[in-house]
Amino acid sequence: MNPIPLLLMHRARPSLPLPLRTSASAPNSARAAAAARFAPARRQRARLSSPVSAVTAEAPSGRDEEEGQFDWLDQWYPFAPVCDLDPGAPHGKTVLGLRVVAWYDRAVDDWRVFDDACPHRLAPLSEGRIDDKGRLQCVYHGWCFDGRGSCQFIPQAPALGPPVHKNSKACVASYPGVVQNNILWFYPRADAEHRDVLQRKRPPFFPQIDDPSFVTSYSIRDHFYGYDVLVENLLDPAHLTYAHKGLVTEPPVHVPDVGLTGKLHKKADPGRVEFDIEGGRPVKMKIEEANVDGFLSLQENGGYYQYTAPCIVCFSPLSKEAEGEEKKKKPQIKQLLMCIPVAPGRSRLITAFLRNVGVWLDMIIPRWYYHIALNAASDSDMYLLHVEERNLAAAGAENWQNAVYVPTSSDAMVIAFRNWFRKHCKNQVDWAAPTVDQLPATPTRDKLMERYWSHVAQCTSCSAALKAIKALEVALQVTAVAVAVFLSVAKGTLAMTVVRKSAAVSFAVLCFAASRWLASFIEKNFYFQDYIHAYK
């Protein structure tokens, strides 16, 4: 079963100044350490109002102030699927404005998450290596650290001199981390008081992922737009057949006359006389359980969406009651969308598609093949969301309800999320490190939709596929040239029939043509392919 129709995605945007606010909360040690490493003018941690506002469609009331503030730092954040992490190398990412590095500690057979800065001269540890003793080594000057963040070796320090490596200033901040549901999670507070945070609070758990009767397909992609735009887009099912036209199942062109879609629309929307080929229709949904931790939205088809703040959007076509029924062979599918705030104007999406049907397909279809369609879906509204974020930033967070017009029930989840973001977050992501008070500049379309650094380099399956396909391309080119050279050298010295010569020439031409097709395939699926809505 192909997960593509269920996994549709999200987009990015450029550079506009945003209001900068200083945080009133007491900084934890990780935040203080990060601030101390930057210029004095940036030592005071800043909170950046998110580019898109979260004001409800209704006027704010005094009751909103009693709802309670959401604590962004008291949450677990997904780092990456473990299947996309190489235990033999460190991996750097930015999460919640915090630059961190994950590496595999062979001493305890577990993953560690550190601050991505060597205490010596602040070089990135993510560019380092794992040494022969299983320690994380900074490749700038060779300093080595154990799994607790303690410095174990400074090559430049005299063996008989003072033990400078034991100084607390030589330590790296280490964050609590745990592998759960095949995802590496970390907690963005490095204070000693939070080392046992797992005893108090764990990441969201989904039992189906650990159920052997289910298979789970993972993907990861960075986006050039902010966290709130990403979540909003994922909670908007009405955009799928329009923004992703040609990538999702479309109704027949003759919808009004025959065809299942037209009949369903007439039944669900009496009086409708106009239909479009994309199959748009009213979408009814009900918002329940809205609080500081998120909300639940029941869909008219019996399924549901659930937003669990701050990272998880869960979609299931089955009701929660149906999911709980213990029928062994009851077909189930579920989509988990993990939304990660990276920096102003940047976000990351980790998808997990769970199912207990068509399990055998995973044995014959490689993961990278699914990712081709997922990336195409992501690219198809990347530019839309990137520009939308800038337009909403220009309107101002506090004016969202005046800047947009959301009169239909299909926007109910978008409004619910904006309500949550305004009431509990004051329209802001509470960054864990100093942040620049503006959205990044808008890149060209080929940079905005590039796939290599945003996905391929982070995905072991796609990286391996790219390497193999490039090798095949080179092999085909070498074969074509070799055959051509052979024919040229052997001319007049080898008795070859016309048929054999024709066959050899044809083979060389086919090899060269195949290599050119592979070059185009590589460019479009692993680097960049534009999506022009006007021609879809």
Protein backbone atom coordinates (compact mmCIF):
# COMPACT_ATOMS: atom_id res chain seq x y z
CA MET A 1 0.00 0.00 0.00
CA ASN A 2 1.48 3.31 -1.05
CA PRO A 3 1.50 5.87 1.80
CA ILE A 4 1.84 8.85 -0.52
CA PRO A 5 -1.83 9.91 -0.73
CA LEU A 6 -1.97 10.29 3.04
CA LEU A 7 1.32 12.03 3.68
CA LEU A 8 0.98 15.44 2.10
CA MET A 9 3.18 18.24 3.29
CA HIS A 10 4.34 21.82 3.88
CA ARG A 11 6.40 24.83 2.74
CA ALA A 12 8.70 27.87 3.33
CA ARG A 13 9.37 31.62 3.23
CA PRO A 14 11.82 34.72 3.14
CA SER A 15 13.11 37.61 5.19
CA LEU A 16 10.96 40.10 7.08
CA PRO A 17 11.78 41.72 10.39
CA LEU A 18 9.69 40.43 13.26
CA PRO A 19 9.09 41.87 16.70
CA LEU A 20 11.73 40.77 19.19
CA ARG A 21 10.72 40.14 22.75
CA THR A 22 12.86 39.37 25.74
CA SER A 23 11.82 36.38 27.77
CA ALA A 24 10.82 36.81 31.35
CA SER A 25 11.42 33.17 32.24
CA ALA A 26 14.58 32.19 34.08
CA PRO A 27 17.15 30.74 31.68
CA ASN A 28 18.22 27.14 32.19
CA SER A 29 21.87 26.15 32.03
CA ALA A 30 21.70 25.09 28.37
CA ARG A 31 20.22 28.42 27.36
CA ALA A 32 22.68 30.34 29.53
CA ALA A 33 25.60 28.38 28.13
CA ALA A 34 24.44 29.03 24.58
CA ALA A 35 24.03 32.74 25.26
CA ALA A 36 27.46 32.99 26.83
CA ARG A 37 29.06 31.68 23.66
CA PHE A 38 27.69 34.46 21.51
CA ALA A 39 28.46 38.16 21.32
CA PRO A 40 27.57 40.25 24.38
CA ALA A 41 24.81 42.04 22.51
CA ARG A 42 23.05 38.70 22.19
CA ARG A 43 23.51 37.43 25.71
CA GLN A 44 19.98 38.21 26.70
CA ARG A 45 17.84 35.41 25.30
CA ALA A 46 15.14 36.55 22.91
CA ARG A 47 11.72 35.27 22.03
CA LEU A 48 10.70 35.75 18.45
CA SER A 49 7.08 36.12 17.53
CA SER A 50 6.29 33.51 14.95
CA PRO A 51 5.88 34.74 11.38
CA VAL A 52 2.24 33.76 11.25
CA SER A 53 -0.16 34.94 13.86
CA ALA A 54 -2.31 32.78 16.02
CA VAL A 55 -5.16 35.11 16.80
CA THR A 56 -8.51 33.43 16.82
CA ALA A 57 -11.26 34.27 14.37
CA GLU A 58 -13.04 35.68 17.39
CA ALA A 59 -11.94 38.69 19.43
CA PRO A 60 -9.63 37.70 22.31
CA SER A 61 -11.32 37.65 25.68
CA GLY A 62 -9.96 38.15 29.17
CA ARG A 63 -10.52 34.45 29.84
CA ASP A 64 -7.64 33.63 27.49
CA GLU A 65 -5.15 34.88 30.04
CA GLU A 66 -6.35 32.19 32.47
CA GLU A 67 -5.71 29.33 30.06
CA GLY A 68 -2.06 28.83 31.09
CA GLN A 69 1.12 29.25 29.11
CA PHE A 70 2.69 26.44 27.14
CA ASP A 71 6.23 25.59 28.29
CA TRP A 72 8.24 24.94 25.11
CA LEU A 73 11.30 23.83 27.05
CA ASP A 74 9.47 21.21 29.10
CA GLN A 75 8.84 19.02 26.04
CA TRP A 76 10.50 16.16 24.20
CA TYR A 77 11.50 16.84 20.59
CA PRO A 78 12.18 14.26 17.86
CA PHE A 79 15.73 14.43 16.53
CA ALA A 80 15.52 11.89 13.69
CA PRO A 81 14.41 8.32 12.90
CA VAL A 82 17.09 5.93 14.13
CA CYS A 83 17.11 4.24 10.72
CA ASP A 84 18.55 7.49 9.30
CA LEU A 85 21.34 7.81 11.88
CA ASP A 86 24.73 6.23 11.23
CA PRO A 87 26.25 4.98 14.54
CA GLY A 88 29.70 5.56 13.09
CA ALA A 89 29.41 9.34 12.77
CA PRO A 90 27.99 12.34 14.67
CA HIS A 91 24.87 14.04 13.31
CA GLY A 92 24.12 17.74 13.75
CA LYS A 93 20.70 19.41 13.62
CA THR A 94 19.01 22.56 14.86
CA VAL A 95 15.92 22.10 17.04
CA LEU A 96 14.07 24.93 18.77
CA GLY A 97 16.91 27.26 17.80
CA LEU A 98 19.37 25.00 19.61
CA ARG A 99 22.26 23.46 17.64
CA VAL A 100 22.73 19.91 18.90
CA VAL A 101 24.69 16.84 17.83
CA ALA A 102 23.65 13.20 18.26
CA TRP A 103 26.24 10.40 18.41
CA TYR A 104 26.28 6.74 19.34
CA ASP A 105 28.04 5.93 22.59
CA ARG A 106 29.38 2.39 22.29
CA ALA A 107 30.20 2.29 25.99
CA VAL A 108 26.52 2.17 26.93
CA ASP A 109 25.09 1.09 23.57
CA ASP A 110 22.90 4.19 23.33
CA TRP A 111 22.57 7.54 21.56
CA ARG A 112 23.72 10.78 23.18
CA VAL A 113 22.68 14.36 22.41
CA PHE A 114 25.18 17.17 23.09
CA ASP A 115 25.49 20.87 22.49
CA ASP A 116 27.01 21.17 19.00
CA ALA A 117 29.98 23.30 20.08
CA CYS A 118 33.36 22.21 21.42
CA PRO A 119 34.13 24.14 24.64
CA HIS A 120 37.65 24.80 23.38
CA ARG A 121 37.00 27.18 20.48
CA LEU A 122 33.29 26.50 19.73
CA ALA A 123 33.93 24.42 16.61
CA PRO A 124 30.94 22.18 15.65
CA LEU A 125 31.22 18.71 17.13
CA SER A 126 28.89 17.46 14.39
CA GLU A 127 31.87 17.78 12.03
CA GLY A 128 33.85 15.49 14.30
CA ARG A 129 34.29 11.74 14.42
CA ILE A 130 34.03 8.79 16.79
CA ASP A 131 37.58 7.85 17.85
CA ASP A 132 39.01 4.35 18.32
CA LYS A 133 37.91 4.37 21.97
CA GLY A 134 34.30 5.20 21.10
CA ARG A 135 34.51 8.84 22.25
CA LEU A 136 33.26 11.91 20.41
CA GLN A 137 36.29 13.72 19.01
CA CYS A 138 36.39 17.33 17.87
CA VAL A 139 38.38 17.36 14.63
CA TYR A 140 39.60 20.92 15.11
CA HIS A 141 42.13 20.13 17.87
CA GLY A 142 41.35 16.53 18.86
CA TRP A 143 39.59 17.07 22.19
CA CYS A 144 37.63 13.92 23.16
CA PHE A 145 34.43 13.59 25.20
CA ASP A 146 32.65 10.67 26.84
CA GLY A 147 28.92 10.01 26.95
CA ARG A 148 28.38 12.33 29.91
CA GLY A 149 29.98 15.27 28.12
CA SER A 150 33.16 15.15 30.22
CA CYS A 151 36.42 15.88 28.43
CA GLN A 152 38.65 12.80 28.52
CA PHE A 153 41.64 13.90 26.48
CA ILE A 154 43.32 17.15 25.37
CA PRO A 155 46.25 16.27 23.08
CA GLN A 156 47.93 19.64 23.61
CA ALA A 157 47.98 19.29 27.42
CA PRO A 158 51.28 17.92 28.90
CA ALA A 159 50.86 14.45 30.39
CA LEU A 160 52.62 15.52 33.62
CA GLY A 161 50.95 18.91 33.78
CA PRO A 162 47.76 19.91 35.59
CA PRO A 163 44.66 17.86 34.60
CA VAL A 164 43.05 20.71 32.66
CA HIS A 165 40.67 18.28 30.93
CA LYS A 166 38.88 17.80 34.26
CA ASN A 167 37.96 21.47 34.53
CA SER A 168 34.19 22.03 34.28
CA LYS A 169 34.83 24.49 31.45
CA ALA A 170 36.07 21.57 29.33
CA CYS A 171 32.69 19.80 29.51
CA VAL A 172 29.98 19.78 26.84
CA ALA A 173 26.31 20.26 27.75
CA SER A 174 24.55 16.88 27.52
CA TYR A 175 20.79 16.66 27.03
CA PRO A 176 18.48 13.86 28.14
CA GLY A 177 17.73 11.57 25.22
CA VAL A 178 15.80 8.37 24.57
CA VAL A 179 14.98 6.12 21.63
CA GLN A 180 11.25 5.43 21.53
CA ASN A 181 9.19 4.12 18.61
CA ASN A 182 12.44 3.99 16.58
CA ILE A 183 12.80 7.78 16.92
CA LEU A 184 15.58 9.52 18.83
CA TRP A 185 14.03 12.15 21.13
CA PHE A 186 15.80 14.72 23.26
CA TYR A 187 14.81 17.12 26.02
CA PRO A 188 16.19 20.67 25.55
CA ARG A 189 17.33 21.27 29.13
CA ALA A 190 20.81 20.24 30.21
CA ASP A 191 20.56 21.19 33.90
CA ALA A 192 21.41 18.48 36.41
CA GLU A 193 17.89 18.68 37.81
CA HIS A 194 16.50 17.45 34.48
CA ARG A 195 18.73 14.40 34.03
CA ASP A 196 15.98 12.12 35.30
CA VAL A 197 13.19 13.81 33.38
CA LEU A 198 12.18 10.42 31.92
CA GLN A 199 10.88 9.45 35.34
CA ARG A 200 8.46 12.37 35.19
CA LYS A 201 7.67 12.81 31.52
CA ARG A 202 8.17 10.69 28.40
CA PRO A 203 7.78 11.43 24.67
CA PRO A 204 4.43 10.57 23.04
CA PHE A 205 4.13 6.80 22.59
CA PHE A 206 2.35 4.96 19.76
CA PRO A 207 1.97 1.23 20.46
CA GLN A 208 1.28 0.31 16.82
CA ILE A 209 4.86 1.19 15.85
CA ASP A 210 6.18 -1.50 18.20
CA ASP A 211 3.47 -3.98 17.18
CA PRO A 212 5.08 -6.67 14.94
CA SER A 213 1.90 -6.90 12.85
CA PHE A 214 2.45 -3.29 11.70
CA VAL A 215 5.10 -1.81 9.43
CA THR A 216 6.21 1.81 9.69
CA SER A 217 7.78 3.90 6.93
CA TYR A 218 9.75 6.97 8.03
CA SER A 219 10.77 10.12 6.19
CA ILE A 220 12.43 13.42 7.12
CA ARG A 221 12.48 16.77 5.30
CA ASP A 222 13.48 20.34 6.16
CA HIS A 223 11.25 23.20 5.02
CA PHE A 224 11.81 26.87 4.28
CA TYR A 225 8.91 28.08 6.38
CA GLY A 226 8.14 28.22 10.06
CA TYR A 227 6.73 25.73 12.53
CA ASP A 228 3.28 27.31 12.82
CA VAL A 229 2.79 27.40 9.04
CA LEU A 230 3.82 23.74 8.88
CA VAL A 231 1.31 22.65 11.53
CA GLU A 232 -1.45 24.80 10.04
CA ASN A 233 -0.92 23.25 6.62
CA LEU A 234 -1.01 19.70 7.98
CA LEU A 235 -4.34 20.44 9.68
CA ASP A 236 -5.91 21.58 6.39
CA PRO A 237 -7.24 18.59 4.40
CA ALA A 238 -9.16 20.87 2.00
CA HIS A 239 -5.98 21.97 0.20
CA LEU A 240 -4.82 18.50 -0.85
CA THR A 241 -6.42 18.08 -4.28
CA TYR A 242 -5.64 21.69 -5.24
CA ALA A 243 -2.10 22.33 -3.99
CA HIS A 244 -1.04 18.76 -4.82
CA LYS A 245 -2.91 18.38 -8.08
CA GLY A 246 -1.61 15.46 -10.08
CA LEU A 247 -0.08 13.89 -6.97
CA VAL A 248 -3.27 12.75 -5.23
CA THR A 249 -6.20 10.79 -6.62
CA GLU A 250 -8.46 13.04 -8.68
CA PRO A 251 -12.18 12.54 -9.37
CA PRO A 252 -13.39 11.98 -12.91
CA VAL A 253 -13.67 15.09 -15.10
CA HIS A 254 -17.38 14.36 -15.60
CA VAL A 255 -18.08 14.57 -11.86
CA PRO A 256 -21.49 16.36 -12.12
CA ASP A 257 -23.04 13.74 -14.39
CA VAL A 258 -21.68 10.38 -13.37
CA GLY A 259 -18.89 9.16 -11.17
CA LEU A 260 -18.91 8.34 -7.50
CA THR A 261 -17.47 11.69 -6.40
CA GLY A 262 -20.30 13.68 -7.91
CA LYS A 263 -22.95 11.50 -6.27
CA LEU A 264 -21.29 11.81 -2.91
CA HIS A 265 -21.08 15.57 -3.24
CA LYS A 266 -24.74 15.90 -4.14
CA LYS A 267 -25.71 13.82 -1.15
CA ALA A 268 -23.42 15.70 1.25
CA ASP A 269 -24.18 19.13 -0.19
CA PRO A 270 -27.79 19.31 -1.42
CA GLY A 271 -28.43 22.07 -3.94
CA ARG A 272 -24.91 22.08 -5.37
CA VAL A 273 -24.90 22.53 -9.13
CA GLU A 274 -21.27 23.45 -9.72
CA PHE A 275 -18.39 21.02 -9.38
CA ASP A 276 -14.71 21.37 -10.16
CA ILE A 277 -12.40 18.67 -11.46
CA GLU A 278 -10.38 18.74 -8.24
CA GLY A 279 -13.41 17.51 -6.29
CA GLY A 280 -13.61 20.27 -3.68
CA ARG A 281 -16.53 20.05 -1.26
CA PRO A 282 -17.60 21.14 2.23
CA VAL A 283 -15.59 19.44 4.97
CA LYS A 284 -17.32 18.98 8.29
CA MET A 285 -15.30 18.51 11.46
CA LYS A 286 -15.80 18.90 15.18
CA ILE A 287 -13.20 20.23 17.59
CA GLU A 288 -13.05 18.56 21.00
CA GLU A 289 -10.77 18.43 24.01
CA ALA A 290 -9.07 21.75 23.22
CA ASN A 291 -6.60 22.71 25.94
CA VAL A 292 -2.97 23.66 26.50
CA ASP A 293 -1.88 20.19 25.35
CA GLY A 294 -3.63 20.41 21.95
CA PHE A 295 -6.99 19.29 20.60
CA LEU A 296 -8.92 16.50 18.91
CA SER A 297 -10.88 16.94 15.69
CA LEU A 298 -13.50 14.36 14.70
CA GLN A 299 -14.08 14.06 10.95
CA GLU A 300 -17.39 13.43 9.23
CA ASN A 301 -16.07 10.17 7.75
CA GLY A 302 -15.51 8.73 11.22
CA GLY A 303 -11.77 9.38 11.32
CA TYR A 304 -9.94 11.95 13.39
CA TYR A 305 -7.02 14.34 13.58
CA GLN A 306 -5.26 14.90 16.88
CA TYR A 307 -2.79 17.68 17.57
CA THR A 308 -0.54 16.94 20.55
CA ALA A 309 1.50 20.02 21.32
CA PRO A 310 4.01 20.90 20.24
CA CYS A 311 5.11 18.30 17.70
CA ILE A 312 2.54 15.63 16.83
CA VAL A 313 -0.25 15.71 14.27
CA CYS A 314 -1.89 12.29 14.12
CA PHE A 315 -4.37 11.28 11.43
CA SER A 316 -6.43 8.10 11.26
CA PRO A 317 -9.33 7.24 8.92
CA LEU A 318 -10.73 5.09 11.75
CA SER A 319 -12.39 6.38 14.88
CA LYS A 320 -10.59 5.97 18.19
CA GLU A 321 -13.21 3.40 19.20
CA ALA A 322 -12.59 1.37 16.04
CA GLU A 323 -8.83 1.51 16.61
CA GLY A 324 -9.31 0.11 20.08
CA GLU A 325 -11.33 -2.89 18.91
CA GLU A 326 -9.32 -6.06 19.27
CA LYS A 327 -9.97 -7.65 15.92
CA LYS A 328 -6.73 -9.25 14.81
CA LYS A 329 -7.01 -8.67 11.11
CA LYS A 330 -8.86 -5.38 11.15
CA PRO A 331 -7.07 -3.16 8.57
CA GLN A 332 -5.57 -0.10 10.20
CA ILE A 333 -3.51 2.78 8.94
CA LYS A 334 -2.27 5.82 10.81
CA GLN A 335 -0.14 8.78 9.86
CA LEU A 336 2.08 10.54 12.38
CA LEU A 337 3.45 13.93 11.39
CA MET A 338 6.15 15.25 13.73
CA CYS A 339 6.53 19.02 13.36
CA ILE A 340 9.82 20.41 14.64
CA PRO A 341 10.52 24.13 15.12
CA VAL A 342 14.03 24.70 13.78
CA ALA A 343 14.49 28.48 13.61
CA PRO A 344 12.46 31.51 12.47
CA GLY A 345 11.23 30.66 8.98
CA ARG A 346 12.54 27.08 9.16
CA SER A 347 10.92 23.82 10.24
CA ARG A 348 11.41 20.08 9.91
CA LEU A 349 8.90 17.31 9.32
CA ILE A 350 9.35 13.67 10.28
CA THR A 351 6.61 11.41 8.96
CA ALA A 352 5.76 7.93 10.16
CA PHE A 353 3.20 5.96 8.15
CA LEU A 354 1.86 2.94 10.05
CA ARG A 355 -0.21 0.11 8.60
CA ASN A 356 -1.02 -3.55 9.10
CA VAL A 357 -2.17 -4.05 5.49
CA GLY A 358 0.07 -4.59 2.47
CA VAL A 359 2.93 -5.36 4.83
CA TRP A 360 4.62 -7.51 2.19
CA LEU A 361 5.12 -4.46 -0.03
CA ASP A 362 7.91 -3.21 2.23
CA MET A 363 9.88 -6.33 1.36
CA ILE A 364 10.01 -5.47 -2.35
CA ILE A 365 9.61 -1.68 -2.55
CA PRO A 366 12.54 0.32 -1.12
CA ARG A 367 11.87 3.23 1.19
CA TRP A 368 13.48 5.75 -1.18
CA TYR A 369 10.88 4.98 -3.84
CA TYR A 370 8.11 6.24 -1.54
CA HIS A 371 10.17 9.33 -0.75
CA ILE A 372 10.16 10.43 -4.39
CA ALA A 373 6.42 11.07 -4.28
CA LEU A 374 6.59 12.51 -0.76
CA ASN A 375 9.18 15.06 -1.85
CA ALA A 376 7.10 15.96 -4.91
CA ALA A 377 4.11 16.57 -2.64
CA SER A 378 6.24 18.69 -0.33
CA ASP A 379 7.58 20.76 -3.22
CA SER A 380 4.14 21.36 -4.70
CA ASP A 381 3.11 23.82 -1.99
CA MET A 382 6.55 24.83 -0.71
CA TYR A 383 6.51 28.19 -2.48
CA LEU A 384 2.86 28.83 -1.57
CA LEU A 385 3.55 28.47 2.13
CA HIS A 386 6.85 30.30 1.97
CA VAL A 387 5.17 33.40 0.53
CA GLU A 388 2.09 33.01 2.74
CA GLU A 389 4.32 33.19 5.81
CA ARG A 390 5.83 36.48 4.64
CA ASN A 391 2.43 37.96 3.84
CA LEU A 392 1.10 37.06 7.28
CA ALA A 393 4.24 38.35 8.97
CA ALA A 394 3.70 41.69 7.21
CA ALA A 395 0.08 41.77 8.43
CA GLY A 396 1.20 41.14 12.02
CA ALA A 397 0.44 38.30 14.40
CA GLU A 398 -2.16 40.29 16.27
CA ASN A 399 -4.11 40.97 13.06
CA TRP A 400 -4.47 37.42 11.81
CA GLN A 401 -8.25 37.39 12.14
CA ASN A 402 -8.46 40.54 10.01
CA ALA A 403 -5.84 39.51 7.48
CA VAL A 404 -7.49 36.19 6.57
CA TYR A 405 -11.05 35.14 5.75
CA VAL A 406 -12.00 31.67 7.01
CA PRO A 407 -15.79 31.35 6.68
CA THR A 408 -16.14 27.58 6.11
CA SER A 409 -15.92 24.58 8.41
CA SER A 410 -12.98 23.21 6.40
CA ASP A 411 -10.78 25.73 8.26
CA ALA A 412 -11.94 24.60 11.71
CA MET A 413 -8.65 22.91 12.61
CA VAL A 414 -6.63 25.85 11.32
CA ILE A 415 -8.63 28.19 13.57
CA ALA A 416 -8.30 25.76 16.48
CA PHE A 417 -4.52 25.70 16.08
CA ARG A 418 -4.33 29.49 15.80
CA ASN A 419 -6.45 29.75 18.94
CA TRP A 420 -4.06 27.43 20.76
CA PHE A 421 -1.01 29.30 19.48
CA ARG A 422 -2.42 32.64 20.61
CA LYS A 423 -3.89 31.60 23.97
CA HIS A 424 -1.05 29.44 25.19
CA CYS A 425 2.00 30.73 23.29
CA LYS A 426 1.21 34.40 22.59
CA ASN A 427 1.84 33.72 18.90
CA GLN A 428 5.46 32.80 19.59
CA VAL A 429 7.79 29.85 19.65
CA ASP A 430 9.87 30.10 22.82
CA TRP A 431 13.32 29.49 21.32
CA ALA A 432 15.89 27.72 23.48
CA ALA A 433 18.79 29.86 22.24
CA PRO A 434 19.31 33.44 21.01
CA THR A 435 17.58 33.95 17.66
CA VAL A 436 17.88 36.55 14.93
CA ASP A 437 14.75 38.67 14.81
CA GLN A 438 13.88 38.18 11.16
CA LEU A 439 12.83 35.59 8.66
CA PRO A 440 15.60 34.38 6.35
CA ALA A 441 15.83 35.89 2.86
CA THR A 442 13.75 34.25 0.15
CA PRO A 443 16.00 31.96 -1.90
CA THR A 444 15.55 31.18 -5.59
CA ARG A 445 13.09 28.41 -6.42
CA ASP A 446 15.84 25.87 -7.02
CA LYS A 447 17.20 26.55 -3.51
CA LEU A 448 13.74 26.70 -1.95
CA MET A 449 12.75 23.29 -3.32
CA GLU A 450 16.17 21.64 -3.29
CA ARG A 451 15.98 18.05 -2.10
CA TYR A 452 19.55 16.99 -1.45
CA TRP A 453 20.37 18.85 1.77
CA SER A 454 16.78 19.09 2.99
CA HIS A 455 16.15 15.35 2.63
CA VAL A 456 18.57 13.09 0.74
CA ALA A 457 21.62 13.85 2.90
CA GLN A 458 19.53 13.09 6.01
CA CYS A 459 18.00 9.85 4.66
CA THR A 460 20.10 6.70 4.56
CA SER A 461 17.80 5.03 2.03
CA CYS A 462 17.86 7.92 -0.46
CA SER A 463 21.59 8.49 0.02
CA ALA A 464 22.32 4.84 -0.76
CA ALA A 465 19.98 4.90 -3.76
CA LEU A 466 21.60 8.05 -5.13
CA LYS A 467 25.06 6.52 -4.81
CA ALA A 468 23.96 3.30 -6.55
CA ILE A 469 22.14 5.09 -9.38
CA LYS A 470 25.10 7.40 -9.97
CA ALA A 471 27.38 4.36 -10.17
CA LEU A 472 25.03 2.77 -12.70
CA GLU A 473 25.01 5.99 -14.73
CA VAL A 474 28.80 6.01 -14.87
CA ALA A 475 28.90 2.31 -15.75
CA LEU A 476 26.53 2.87 -18.66
CA GLN A 477 28.61 5.79 -19.94
CA VAL A 478 31.84 3.78 -19.68
CA THR A 479 30.21 0.86 -21.49
CA ALA A 480 28.99 3.10 -24.31
CA VAL A 481 32.43 4.67 -24.75
CA ALA A 482 34.18 1.29 -24.53
CA VAL A 483 31.99 -0.21 -27.26
CA ALA A 484 32.55 2.85 -29.48
CA VAL A 485 36.33 2.70 -28.98
CA PHE A 486 36.37 -1.04 -29.65
CA LEU A 487 34.49 -0.63 -32.90
CA SER A 488 36.81 2.19 -33.95
CA VAL A 489 40.01 0.29 -33.15
CA ALA A 490 38.79 -3.00 -34.57
CA LYS A 491 37.66 -1.43 -37.83
CA GLY A 492 39.39 -3.19 -40.70
CA THR A 493 41.13 -5.71 -38.44
CA LEU A 494 38.08 -7.65 -37.35
CA ALA A 495 35.75 -9.46 -39.64
CA MET A 496 32.31 -8.39 -38.40
CA THR A 497 29.08 -8.78 -40.19
CA VAL A 498 26.87 -5.77 -40.75
CA VAL A 499 24.36 -7.22 -38.31
CA ARG A 500 26.96 -7.53 -35.55
CA LYS A 501 28.24 -4.02 -36.12
CA SER A 502 24.70 -2.66 -36.06
CA ALA A 503 23.97 -4.55 -32.86
CA ALA A 504 27.13 -3.19 -31.19
CA VAL A 505 26.37 0.37 -32.27
CA SER A 506 22.78 0.05 -31.08
CA PHE A 507 23.97 -1.30 -27.73
CA ALA A 508 26.36 1.65 -27.30
CA VAL A 509 23.62 4.14 -28.18
CA LEU A 510 21.18 2.49 -25.77
CA CYS A 511 23.76 2.57 -22.96
CA PHE A 512 24.44 6.26 -23.56
CA ALA A 513 20.70 7.08 -23.79
CA ALA A 514 20.04 5.16 -20.58
CA SER A 515 22.82 7.09 -18.81
CA ARG A 516 21.28 10.39 -19.94
CA TRP A 517 17.86 9.27 -18.69
CA LEU A 518 19.38 8.33 -15.34
CA ALA A 519 21.07 11.74 -15.13
CA SER A 520 17.68 13.40 -15.60
CA PHE A 521 16.08 11.01 -13.07
CA ILE A 522 18.78 11.84 -10.51
CA GLU A 523 18.39 15.59 -10.96
CA LYS A 524 14.59 15.56 -10.72
CA ASN A 525 14.25 13.16 -7.81
CA PHE A 526 17.32 13.79 -5.67
CA TYR A 527 18.17 17.46 -6.30
CA PHE A 528 15.48 19.70 -7.79
CA GLN A 529 12.30 19.61 -9.82
CA ASP A 530 10.07 22.66 -10.12
CA TYR A 531 6.31 22.44 -9.68
CA ILE A 532 4.30 24.89 -11.82
CA HIS A 533 0.66 24.90 -10.73
CA ALA A 534 -0.59 26.56 -13.93
CA TYR A 535 0.35 23.49 -15.96
CA LYS A 536 -1.12 20.86 -13.66
